């Protein structure tokens, strides 16, 4: 039972951390209007969504549904948004 508690804590802390990063980056973007902060905040928003899906998939419904495709899609969108932002800002 101790392993499940530790696992739950790690997944929830990852969710809180990525959501906090998204909020802080969005606040910085609104203050400075640096577009790279916008892309970074969008990336961390999708990473937070990914972590939320991990929590739901592994902790809430461990054997009922398989949300691995949704987790991968959220990760792909997160990296894609950041990559697009890097390319957009380099021009």
Protein backbone atom coordinates (compact mmCIF):
# COMPACT_ATOMS: atom_id res chain seq x y z
CA UNK A 1 0.00 0.00 0.00
CA UNK A 2 2.93 2.34 0.66
CA UNK A 3 4.05 2.09 -2.98
CA UNK A 4 0.65 3.17 -4.25
CA UNK A 5 0.65 6.16 -1.92
CA UNK A 6 4.10 7.20 -3.10
CA UNK A 7 3.08 6.66 -6.73
CA UNK A 8 -0.04 8.78 -6.22
CA UNK A 9 1.98 11.55 -4.61
CA UNK A 10 4.47 11.62 -7.49
CA UNK A 11 1.76 11.79 -10.15
CA UNK A 12 -0.14 14.50 -8.30
CA UNK A 13 3.02 16.53 -7.69
CA UNK A 14 3.86 16.32 -11.40
CA UNK A 15 0.36 17.60 -12.21
CA UNK A 16 0.65 20.49 -9.74
CA UNK A 17 4.14 21.38 -10.94
CA UNK A 18 3.28 21.48 -14.63
CA UNK A 19 0.07 23.44 -13.98
CA UNK A 20 1.99 25.91 -11.82
CA UNK A 21 4.60 26.37 -14.53
CA UNK A 22 1.84 27.00 -17.08
CA UNK A 23 0.24 29.64 -14.86
CA UNK A 24 3.53 31.38 -14.08
CA UNK A 25 4.56 31.41 -17.74
CA UNK A 26 1.16 32.78 -18.77
CA UNK A 27 1.40 35.53 -16.15
CA UNK A 28 4.87 36.46 -17.42
CA UNK A 29 3.58 36.49 -20.98
CA UNK A 30 0.73 38.82 -20.05
CA UNK A 31 3.19 41.14 -18.34
CA UNK A 32 5.95 41.19 -20.99
CA UNK A 33 4.21 40.00 -24.20
CA UNK A 34 7.27 37.90 -25.10
CA UNK A 35 5.80 35.37 -27.52
CA UNK A 36 8.13 32.56 -26.49
CA UNK A 37 6.51 32.70 -23.05
CA UNK A 38 3.14 32.16 -24.72
CA UNK A 39 4.33 29.04 -26.52
CA UNK A 40 5.99 27.74 -23.37
CA UNK A 41 2.85 28.29 -21.32
CA UNK A 42 0.76 26.46 -23.91
CA UNK A 43 3.25 23.60 -23.86
CA UNK A 44 3.06 23.32 -20.08
CA UNK A 45 -0.73 23.52 -20.25
CA UNK A 46 -0.78 20.45 -22.46
CA UNK A 47 1.79 18.76 -20.22
CA UNK A 48 -0.50 19.45 -17.26
CA UNK A 49 -3.35 17.91 -19.26
CA UNK A 50 -1.11 14.93 -19.93
CA UNK A 51 -0.42 14.58 -16.20
CA UNK A 52 -4.13 14.86 -15.44
CA UNK A 53 -4.83 12.04 -17.88
CA UNK A 54 -2.07 9.99 -16.20
CA UNK A 55 -3.72 10.50 -12.82
CA UNK A 56 -7.12 9.51 -14.18
CA UNK A 57 -5.74 6.57 -16.15
CA UNK A 58 -3.46 5.05 -13.52
CA UNK A 59 -4.96 6.13 -10.20
CA UNK A 60 -8.69 6.62 -10.74
CA UNK A 61 -9.52 3.97 -13.37
CA UNK A 62 -6.51 1.61 -13.36
CA UNK A 63 -8.16 -1.33 -15.08
CA UNK A 64 -11.40 0.04 -16.53
CA UNK A 65 -10.14 2.15 -19.42
CA UNK A 66 -6.86 2.61 -21.26
CA UNK A 67 -6.09 6.27 -21.83
CA UNK A 68 -2.55 5.77 -23.08
CA UNK A 69 -3.43 7.04 -26.57
CA UNK A 70 -4.83 10.26 -25.06
CA UNK A 71 -1.72 10.65 -22.89
CA UNK A 72 0.52 10.30 -25.92
CA UNK A 73 -1.61 12.73 -27.92
CA UNK A 74 -1.39 15.37 -25.18
CA UNK A 75 2.39 14.93 -25.02
CA UNK A 76 2.68 15.18 -28.79
CA UNK A 77 0.61 18.36 -28.89
CA UNK A 78 2.70 19.86 -26.07
CA UNK A 79 5.98 19.22 -27.86
CA UNK A 80 4.47 20.26 -31.19
CA UNK A 81 3.29 23.58 -29.80
CA UNK A 82 6.70 24.34 -28.31
CA UNK A 83 8.49 23.31 -31.50
CA UNK A 84 6.14 25.47 -33.56
CA UNK A 85 6.84 28.36 -31.19
CA UNK A 86 10.60 27.92 -31.56
CA UNK A 87 10.31 27.88 -35.34
CA UNK A 88 7.90 30.82 -35.39
CA UNK A 89 10.18 32.93 -33.18
CA UNK A 90 13.34 32.12 -35.15
CA UNK A 91 11.99 33.80 -38.31
